[in-house]
């Protein structure tokens, strides 16, 4: 029972952390870590919090911000990112 309470507390802290949107302040919209974090958190919202609307909104917002930023990237940098095998 204590383990479940600890997990619930961790989930609450994670939600509070994500609501501060620290990744949006520190990382560019096209940064792979920001995109991965948003994807993982949207899955968390969908599967753990049972909040598909919140998951969709987060994913849509992240995608739209990244697409808007793609237009401002240097073409050579964009090609390097697209062809990088990592």
PDB file of N, CA and C in Angstrom:
ATOM      1  N   UNK A   1       0.823  -1.189   0.000  1.00  0.00           N
ATOM      2  CA  UNK A   1       0.000   0.000   0.000  1.00  0.00           C
ATOM      3  C   UNK A   1       0.869   1.257   0.000  1.00  0.00           C
ATOM      4  N   UNK A   2       1.962   1.229   0.761  1.00  0.00           N
ATOM      5  CA  UNK A   2       2.859   2.387   0.816  1.00  0.00           C
ATOM      6  C   UNK A   2       3.519   2.622  -0.539  1.00  0.00           C
ATOM      7  N   UNK A   3       3.805   1.523  -1.245  1.00  0.00           N
ATOM      8  CA  UNK A   3       4.438   1.651  -2.559  1.00  0.00           C
ATOM      9  C   UNK A   3       3.484   2.333  -3.539  1.00  0.00           C
ATOM     10  N   UNK A   4       2.217   1.986  -3.491  1.00  0.00           N
ATOM     11  CA  UNK A   4       1.226   2.611  -4.362  1.00  0.00           C
ATOM     12  C   UNK A   4       1.106   4.100  -4.055  1.00  0.00           C
ATOM     13  N   UNK A   5       1.095   4.444  -2.789  1.00  0.00           N
ATOM     14  CA  UNK A   5       1.017   5.857  -2.399  1.00  0.00           C
ATOM     15  C   UNK A   5       2.241   6.620  -2.889  1.00  0.00           C
ATOM     16  N   UNK A   6       3.398   5.971  -2.837  1.00  0.00           N
ATOM     17  CA  UNK A   6       4.632   6.597  -3.314  1.00  0.00           C
ATOM     18  C   UNK A   6       4.568   6.811  -4.827  1.00  0.00           C
ATOM     19  N   UNK A   7       4.040   5.833  -5.558  1.00  0.00           N
ATOM     20  CA  UNK A   7       3.910   5.972  -7.009  1.00  0.00           C
ATOM     21  C   UNK A   7       2.946   7.097  -7.366  1.00  0.00           C
ATOM     22  N   UNK A   8       1.847   7.177  -6.666  1.00  0.00           N
ATOM     23  CA  UNK A   8       0.871   8.241  -6.914  1.00  0.00           C
ATOM     24  C   UNK A   8       1.513   9.599  -6.670  1.00  0.00           C
ATOM     25  N   UNK A   9       2.297   9.701  -5.604  1.00  0.00           N
ATOM     26  CA  UNK A   9       2.984  10.960  -5.297  1.00  0.00           C
ATOM     27  C   UNK A   9       3.977  11.323  -6.402  1.00  0.00           C
ATOM     28  N   UNK A  10       4.689  10.329  -6.916  1.00  0.00           N
ATOM     29  CA  UNK A  10       5.630  10.571  -8.024  1.00  0.00           C
ATOM     30  C   UNK A  10       4.890  11.061  -9.262  1.00  0.00           C
ATOM     31  N   UNK A  11       3.749  10.458  -9.562  1.00  0.00           N
ATOM     32  CA  UNK A  11       2.953  10.884 -10.712  1.00  0.00           C
ATOM     33  C   UNK A  11       2.485  12.326 -10.543  1.00  0.00           C
ATOM     34  N   UNK A  12       2.055  12.669  -9.335  1.00  0.00           N
ATOM     35  CA  UNK A  12       1.609  14.041  -9.084  1.00  0.00           C
ATOM     36  C   UNK A  12       2.748  15.040  -9.288  1.00  0.00           C
ATOM     37  N   UNK A  13       3.936  14.681  -8.806  1.00  0.00           N
ATOM     38  CA  UNK A  13       5.094  15.560  -8.983  1.00  0.00           C
ATOM     39  C   UNK A  13       5.454  15.702 -10.452  1.00  0.00           C
ATOM     40  N   UNK A  14       5.343  14.607 -11.200  1.00  0.00           N
ATOM     41  CA  UNK A  14       5.655  14.665 -12.619  1.00  0.00           C
ATOM     42  C   UNK A  14       4.664  15.575 -13.348  1.00  0.00           C
ATOM     43  N   UNK A  15       3.411  15.485 -12.999  1.00  0.00           N
ATOM     44  CA  UNK A  15       2.402  16.346 -13.617  1.00  0.00           C
ATOM     45  C   UNK A  15       2.694  17.809 -13.290  1.00  0.00           C
ATOM     46  N   UNK A  16       3.038  18.101 -12.052  1.00  0.00           N
ATOM     47  CA  UNK A  16       3.368  19.478 -11.669  1.00  0.00           C
ATOM     48  C   UNK A  16       4.585  19.977 -12.436  1.00  0.00           C
ATOM     49  N   UNK A  17       5.589  19.117 -12.584  1.00  0.00           N
ATOM     50  CA  UNK A  17       6.799  19.476 -13.320  1.00  0.00           C
ATOM     51  C   UNK A  17       6.466  19.797 -14.772  1.00  0.00           C
ATOM     52  N   UNK A  18       5.669  18.958 -15.398  1.00  0.00           N
ATOM     53  CA  UNK A  18       5.325  19.174 -16.802  1.00  0.00           C
ATOM     54  C   UNK A  18       4.455  20.410 -16.979  1.00  0.00           C
ATOM     55  N   UNK A  19       3.622  20.707 -16.006  1.00  0.00           N
ATOM     56  CA  UNK A  19       2.770  21.886 -16.120  1.00  0.00           C
ATOM     57  C   UNK A  19       3.581  23.178 -16.076  1.00  0.00           C
ATOM     58  N   UNK A  20       4.762  23.135 -15.495  1.00  0.00           N
ATOM     59  CA  UNK A  20       5.637  24.310 -15.492  1.00  0.00           C
ATOM     60  C   UNK A  20       6.223  24.548 -16.872  1.00  0.00           C
ATOM     61  N   UNK A  21       6.184  23.535 -17.714  1.00  0.00           N
ATOM     62  CA  UNK A  21       6.633  23.637 -19.108  1.00  0.00           C
ATOM     63  C   UNK A  21       8.098  24.072 -19.204  1.00  0.00           C
ATOM     64  N   UNK A  22       8.934  23.484 -18.364  1.00  0.00           N
ATOM     65  CA  UNK A  22      10.354  23.819 -18.340  1.00  0.00           C
ATOM     66  C   UNK A  22      11.010  23.503 -19.677  1.00  0.00           C
ATOM     67  N   UNK A  23      10.622  22.402 -20.295  1.00  0.00           N
ATOM     68  CA  UNK A  23      11.213  22.036 -21.585  1.00  0.00           C
ATOM     69  C   UNK A  23      10.946  23.111 -22.630  1.00  0.00           C
ATOM     70  N   UNK A  24       9.788  23.735 -22.577  1.00  0.00           N
ATOM     71  CA  UNK A  24       9.460  24.776 -23.555  1.00  0.00           C
ATOM     72  C   UNK A  24      10.334  26.008 -23.379  1.00  0.00           C
ATOM     73  N   UNK A  25      10.759  26.267 -22.168  1.00  0.00           N
ATOM     74  CA  UNK A  25      11.593  27.432 -21.899  1.00  0.00           C
ATOM     75  C   UNK A  25      13.044  27.160 -22.268  1.00  0.00           C
ATOM     76  N   UNK A  26      13.525  25.971 -21.984  1.00  0.00           N
ATOM     77  CA  UNK A  26      14.942  25.657 -22.123  1.00  0.00           C
ATOM     78  C   UNK A  26      15.327  25.054 -23.475  1.00  0.00           C
ATOM     79  N   UNK A  27      14.409  24.406 -24.164  1.00  0.00           N
ATOM     80  CA  UNK A  27      14.745  23.684 -25.398  1.00  0.00           C
ATOM     81  C   UNK A  27      13.953  24.220 -26.588  1.00  0.00           C
ATOM     82  N   UNK A  28      14.583  24.195 -27.747  1.00  0.00           N
ATOM     83  CA  UNK A  28      13.909  24.624 -28.980  1.00  0.00           C
ATOM     84  C   UNK A  28      12.764  23.660 -29.299  1.00  0.00           C
ATOM     85  N   UNK A  29      11.730  24.140 -29.976  1.00  0.00           N
ATOM     86  CA  UNK A  29      10.599  23.270 -30.316  1.00  0.00           C
ATOM     87  C   UNK A  29      10.985  22.044 -31.146  1.00  0.00           C
ATOM     88  N   UNK A  30      12.092  22.121 -31.865  1.00  0.00           N
ATOM     89  CA  UNK A  30      12.517  20.990 -32.693  1.00  0.00           C
ATOM     90  C   UNK A  30      13.552  20.105 -32.003  1.00  0.00           C
ATOM     91  N   UNK A  31      13.899  20.420 -30.767  1.00  0.00           N
ATOM     92  CA  UNK A  31      14.912  19.636 -30.050  1.00  0.00           C
ATOM     93  C   UNK A  31      14.378  18.230 -29.769  1.00  0.00           C
ATOM     94  N   UNK A  32      15.196  17.233 -30.062  1.00  0.00           N
ATOM     95  CA  UNK A  32      14.741  15.850 -29.942  1.00  0.00           C
ATOM     96  C   UNK A  32      14.369  15.463 -28.507  1.00  0.00           C
ATOM     97  N   UNK A  33      15.029  16.020 -27.534  1.00  0.00           N
ATOM     98  CA  UNK A  33      14.678  15.698 -26.145  1.00  0.00           C
ATOM     99  C   UNK A  33      13.317  16.291 -25.790  1.00  0.00           C
ATOM    100  N   UNK A  34      13.075  17.505 -26.224  1.00  0.00           N
ATOM    101  CA  UNK A  34      11.766  18.130 -25.964  1.00  0.00           C
ATOM    102  C   UNK A  34      10.649  17.339 -26.639  1.00  0.00           C
ATOM    103  N   UNK A  35      10.876  16.922 -27.884  1.00  0.00           N
ATOM    104  CA  UNK A  35       9.860  16.156 -28.603  1.00  0.00           C
ATOM    105  C   UNK A  35       9.607  14.807 -27.930  1.00  0.00           C
ATOM    106  N   UNK A  36      10.683  14.141 -27.514  1.00  0.00           N
ATOM    107  CA  UNK A  36      10.536  12.852 -26.837  1.00  0.00           C
ATOM    108  C   UNK A  36       9.836  12.978 -25.499  1.00  0.00           C
ATOM    109  N   UNK A  37      10.170  14.020 -24.758  1.00  0.00           N
ATOM    110  CA  UNK A  37       9.534  14.256 -23.467  1.00  0.00           C
ATOM    111  C   UNK A  37       8.037  14.509 -23.644  1.00  0.00           C
ATOM    112  N   UNK A  38       7.696  15.290 -24.634  1.00  0.00           N
ATOM    113  CA  UNK A  38       6.274  15.568 -24.890  1.00  0.00           C
ATOM    114  C   UNK A  38       5.532  14.295 -25.293  1.00  0.00           C
ATOM    115  N   UNK A  39       6.172  13.476 -26.122  1.00  0.00           N
ATOM    116  CA  UNK A  39       5.543  12.218 -26.533  1.00  0.00           C
ATOM    117  C   UNK A  39       5.329  11.309 -25.330  1.00  0.00           C
ATOM    118  N   UNK A  40       6.364  11.147 -24.519  1.00  0.00           N
ATOM    119  CA  UNK A  40       6.245  10.279 -23.342  1.00  0.00           C
ATOM    120  C   UNK A  40       5.194  10.795 -22.366  1.00  0.00           C
ATOM    121  N   UNK A  41       5.159  12.106 -22.165  1.00  0.00           N
ATOM    122  CA  UNK A  41       4.181  12.648 -21.230  1.00  0.00           C
ATOM    123  C   UNK A  41       2.762  12.521 -21.781  1.00  0.00           C
ATOM    124  N   UNK A  42       2.601  12.653 -23.089  1.00  0.00           N
ATOM    125  CA  UNK A  42       1.262  12.489 -23.656  1.00  0.00           C
ATOM    126  C   UNK A  42       0.788  11.039 -23.504  1.00  0.00           C
ATOM    127  N   UNK A  43       1.702  10.088 -23.628  1.00  0.00           N
ATOM    128  CA  UNK A  43       1.345   8.682 -23.402  1.00  0.00           C
ATOM    129  C   UNK A  43       0.969   8.470 -21.938  1.00  0.00           C
ATOM    130  N   UNK A  44       1.719   9.098 -21.044  1.00  0.00           N
ATOM    131  CA  UNK A  44       1.400   9.034 -19.614  1.00  0.00           C
ATOM    132  C   UNK A  44      -0.005   9.585 -19.352  1.00  0.00           C
ATOM    133  N   UNK A  45      -0.307  10.728 -19.944  1.00  0.00           N
ATOM    134  CA  UNK A  45      -1.639  11.323 -19.762  1.00  0.00           C
ATOM    135  C   UNK A  45      -2.728  10.391 -20.276  1.00  0.00           C
ATOM    136  N   UNK A  46      -2.478   9.791 -21.421  1.00  0.00           N
ATOM    137  CA  UNK A  46      -3.479   8.933 -22.050  1.00  0.00           C
ATOM    138  C   UNK A  46      -3.688   7.637 -21.267  1.00  0.00           C
ATOM    139  N   UNK A  47      -2.583   6.964 -20.935  1.00  0.00           N
ATOM    140  CA  UNK A  47      -2.695   5.631 -20.348  1.00  0.00           C
ATOM    141  C   UNK A  47      -2.824   5.627 -18.825  1.00  0.00           C
ATOM    142  N   UNK A  48      -2.118   6.498 -18.145  1.00  0.00           N
ATOM    143  CA  UNK A  48      -2.116   6.469 -16.684  1.00  0.00           C
ATOM    144  C   UNK A  48      -3.195   7.386 -16.112  1.00  0.00           C
ATOM    145  N   UNK A  49      -3.268   8.605 -16.632  1.00  0.00           N
ATOM    146  CA  UNK A  49      -4.251   9.557 -16.117  1.00  0.00           C
ATOM    147  C   UNK A  49      -5.617   9.412 -16.778  1.00  0.00           C
ATOM    148  N   UNK A  50      -5.701   8.551 -17.799  1.00  0.00           N
ATOM    149  CA  UNK A  50      -6.950   8.358 -18.544  1.00  0.00           C
ATOM    150  C   UNK A  50      -7.513   9.690 -19.037  1.00  0.00           C
ATOM    151  N   UNK A  51      -6.627  10.481 -19.628  1.00  0.00           N
ATOM    152  CA  UNK A  51      -7.004  11.805 -20.112  1.00  0.00           C
ATOM    153  C   UNK A  51      -6.602  11.957 -21.580  1.00  0.00           C
ATOM    154  N   UNK A  52      -7.374  11.345 -22.487  1.00  0.00           N
ATOM    155  CA  UNK A  52      -7.013  11.427 -23.907  1.00  0.00           C
ATOM    156  C   UNK A  52      -7.057  12.849 -24.456  1.00  0.00           C
ATOM    157  N   UNK A  53      -7.949  13.679 -23.941  1.00  0.00           N
ATOM    158  CA  UNK A  53      -8.016  15.064 -24.417  1.00  0.00           C
ATOM    159  C   UNK A  53      -6.739  15.826 -24.076  1.00  0.00           C
ATOM    160  N   UNK A  54      -6.268  15.640 -22.862  1.00  0.00           N
ATOM    161  CA  UNK A  54      -5.026  16.299 -22.445  1.00  0.00           C
ATOM    162  C   UNK A  54      -3.840  15.778 -23.260  1.00  0.00           C
ATOM    163  N   UNK A  55      -3.812  14.476 -23.508  1.00  0.00           N
ATOM    164  CA  UNK A  55      -2.736  13.882 -24.308  1.00  0.00           C
ATOM    165  C   UNK A  55      -2.756  14.445 -25.722  1.00  0.00           C
ATOM    166  N   UNK A  56      -3.940  14.535 -26.305  1.00  0.00           N
ATOM    167  CA  UNK A  56      -4.059  15.071 -27.665  1.00  0.00           C
ATOM    168  C   UNK A  56      -3.631  16.538 -27.719  1.00  0.00           C
ATOM    169  N   UNK A  57      -4.102  17.327 -26.763  1.00  0.00           N
ATOM    170  CA  UNK A  57      -3.756  18.756 -26.751  1.00  0.00           C
ATOM    171  C   UNK A  57      -2.249  18.969 -26.648  1.00  0.00           C
ATOM    172  N   UNK A  58      -1.597  18.210 -25.778  1.00  0.00           N
ATOM    173  CA  UNK A  58      -0.150  18.327 -25.623  1.00  0.00           C
ATOM    174  C   UNK A  58       0.571  17.933 -26.911  1.00  0.00           C
ATOM    175  N   UNK A  59       0.149  16.827 -27.498  1.00  0.00           N
ATOM    176  CA  UNK A  59       0.785  16.358 -28.730  1.00  0.00           C
ATOM    177  C   UNK A  59       0.575  17.351 -29.864  1.00  0.00           C
ATOM    178  N   UNK A  60      -0.623  17.860 -30.006  1.00  0.00           N
ATOM    179  CA  UNK A  60      -0.931  18.819 -31.073  1.00  0.00           C
ATOM    180  C   UNK A  60      -0.122  20.102 -30.898  1.00  0.00           C
ATOM    181  N   UNK A  61      -0.063  20.608 -29.669  1.00  0.00           N
ATOM    182  CA  UNK A  61       0.691  21.835 -29.389  1.00  0.00           C
ATOM    183  C   UNK A  61       2.174  21.642 -29.712  1.00  0.00           C
ATOM    184  N   UNK A  62       2.730  20.533 -29.272  1.00  0.00           N
ATOM    185  CA  UNK A  62       4.148  20.254 -29.513  1.00  0.00           C
ATOM    186  C   UNK A  62       4.429  20.120 -31.000  1.00  0.00           C
ATOM    187  N   UNK A  63       3.581  19.401 -31.707  1.00  0.00           N
ATOM    188  CA  UNK A  63       3.751  19.214 -33.148  1.00  0.00           C
ATOM    189  C   UNK A  63       3.664  20.548 -33.886  1.00  0.00           C
ATOM    190  N   UNK A  64       2.667  21.342 -33.568  1.00  0.00           N
ATOM    191  CA  UNK A  64       2.496  22.637 -34.240  1.00  0.00           C
ATOM    192  C   UNK A  64       3.685  23.562 -34.007  1.00  0.00           C
ATOM    193  N   UNK A  65       4.203  23.571 -32.775  1.00  0.00           N
ATOM    194  CA  UNK A  65       5.368  24.408 -32.481  1.00  0.00           C
ATOM    195  C   UNK A  65       6.597  23.939 -33.249  1.00  0.00           C
ATOM    196  N   UNK A  66       6.785  22.632 -33.352  1.00  0.00           N
ATOM    197  CA  UNK A  66       7.945  22.096 -34.078  1.00  0.00           C
ATOM    198  C   UNK A  66       7.831  22.378 -35.569  1.00  0.00           C
ATOM    199  N   UNK A  67       6.652  22.220 -36.140  1.00  0.00           N
ATOM    200  CA  UNK A  67       6.453  22.487 -37.570  1.00  0.00           C
ATOM    201  C   UNK A  67       6.703  23.962 -37.867  1.00  0.00           C
ATOM    202  N   UNK A  68       6.225  24.843 -37.017  1.00  0.00           N
ATOM    203  CA  UNK A  68       6.447  26.278 -37.224  1.00  0.00           C
ATOM    204  C   UNK A  68       7.933  26.611 -37.179  1.00  0.00           C
ATOM    205  N   UNK A  69       8.674  25.941 -36.326  1.00  0.00           N
ATOM    206  CA  UNK A  69      10.110  26.190 -36.186  1.00  0.00           C
ATOM    207  C   UNK A  69      10.896  25.630 -37.371  1.00  0.00           C
ATOM    208  N   UNK A  70      10.405  24.589 -38.002  1.00  0.00           N
ATOM    209  CA  UNK A  70      11.119  23.999 -39.139  1.00  0.00           C
ATOM    210  C   UNK A  70      11.320  25.010 -40.259  1.00  0.00           C
ATOM    211  N   UNK A  71      10.379  25.899 -40.432  1.00  0.00           N
ATOM    212  CA  UNK A  71      10.484  26.900 -41.493  1.00  0.00           C
ATOM    213  C   UNK A  71      11.625  27.883 -41.251  1.00  0.00           C
ATOM    214  N   UNK A  72      12.043  28.032 -40.009  1.00  0.00           N
ATOM    215  CA  UNK A  72      13.092  28.999 -39.703  1.00  0.00           C
ATOM    216  C   UNK A  72      14.487  28.380 -39.657  1.00  0.00           C
ATOM    217  N   UNK A  73      14.575  27.065 -39.719  1.00  0.00           N
ATOM    218  CA  UNK A  73      15.881  26.410 -39.672  1.00  0.00           C
ATOM    219  C   UNK A  73      16.631  26.603 -40.980  1.00  0.00           C
ATOM    220  N   UNK A  74      17.921  26.710 -40.864  1.00  0.00           N
ATOM    221  CA  UNK A  74      18.782  26.771 -42.033  1.00  0.00           C
ATOM    222  C   UNK A  74      18.621  25.461 -42.813  1.00  0.00           C
ATOM    223  N   UNK A  75      18.545  25.541 -44.129  1.00  0.00           N
ATOM    224  CA  UNK A  75      18.304  24.360 -44.953  1.00  0.00           C
ATOM    225  C   UNK A  75      19.393  23.301 -44.767  1.00  0.00           C
ATOM    226  N   UNK A  76      20.651  23.723 -44.668  1.00  0.00           N
ATOM    227  CA  UNK A  76      21.737  22.759 -44.487  1.00  0.00           C
ATOM    228  C   UNK A  76      21.631  22.057 -43.136  1.00  0.00           C
ATOM    229  N   UNK A  77      21.288  22.805 -42.105  1.00  0.00           N
ATOM    230  CA  UNK A  77      21.123  22.213 -40.786  1.00  0.00           C
ATOM    231  C   UNK A  77      19.978  21.209 -40.799  1.00  0.00           C
ATOM    232  N   UNK A  78      18.906  21.564 -41.464  1.00  0.00           N
ATOM    233  CA  UNK A  78      17.766  20.664 -41.562  1.00  0.00           C
ATOM    234  C   UNK A  78      18.159  19.378 -42.275  1.00  0.00           C
ATOM    235  N   UNK A  79      18.899  19.486 -43.361  1.00  0.00           N
ATOM    236  CA  UNK A  79      19.333  18.292 -44.096  1.00  0.00           C
ATOM    237  C   UNK A  79      20.242  17.425 -43.229  1.00  0.00           C
ATOM    238  N   UNK A  80      21.116  18.052 -42.459  1.00  0.00           N
ATOM    239  CA  UNK A  80      21.993  17.286 -41.570  1.00  0.00           C
ATOM    240  C   UNK A  80      21.179  16.539 -40.524  1.00  0.00           C
ATOM    241  N   UNK A  81      20.171  17.185 -39.992  1.00  0.00           N
ATOM    242  CA  UNK A  81      19.337  16.531 -38.981  1.00  0.00           C
ATOM    243  C   UNK A  81      18.541  15.379 -39.587  1.00  0.00           C
ATOM    244  N   UNK A  82      18.048  15.574 -40.785  1.00  0.00           N
ATOM    245  CA  UNK A  82      17.242  14.531 -41.411  1.00  0.00           C
ATOM    246  C   UNK A  82      18.075  13.322 -41.822  1.00  0.00           C
ATOM    247  N   UNK A  83      19.332  13.539 -42.162  1.00  0.00           N
ATOM    248  CA  UNK A  83      20.172  12.437 -42.627  1.00  0.00           C
ATOM    249  C   UNK A  83      21.040  11.837 -41.534  1.00  0.00           C
ATOM    250  N   UNK A  84      21.015  12.400 -40.344  1.00  0.00           N
ATOM    251  CA  UNK A  84      21.829  11.882 -39.247  1.00  0.00           C
ATOM    252  C   UNK A  84      21.282  10.523 -38.815  1.00  0.00           C
ATOM    253  N   UNK A  85      22.115   9.471 -38.846  1.00  0.00           N
ATOM    254  CA  UNK A  85      21.619   8.132 -38.523  1.00  0.00           C
ATOM    255  C   UNK A  85      21.355   7.895 -37.042  1.00  0.00           C
ATOM    256  N   UNK A  86      21.731   8.815 -36.172  1.00  0.00           N
ATOM    257  CA  UNK A  86      21.516   8.598 -34.738  1.00  0.00           C
ATOM    258  C   UNK A  86      20.104   8.770 -34.371  1.00  0.00           C
TER     259      UNK A  86
END
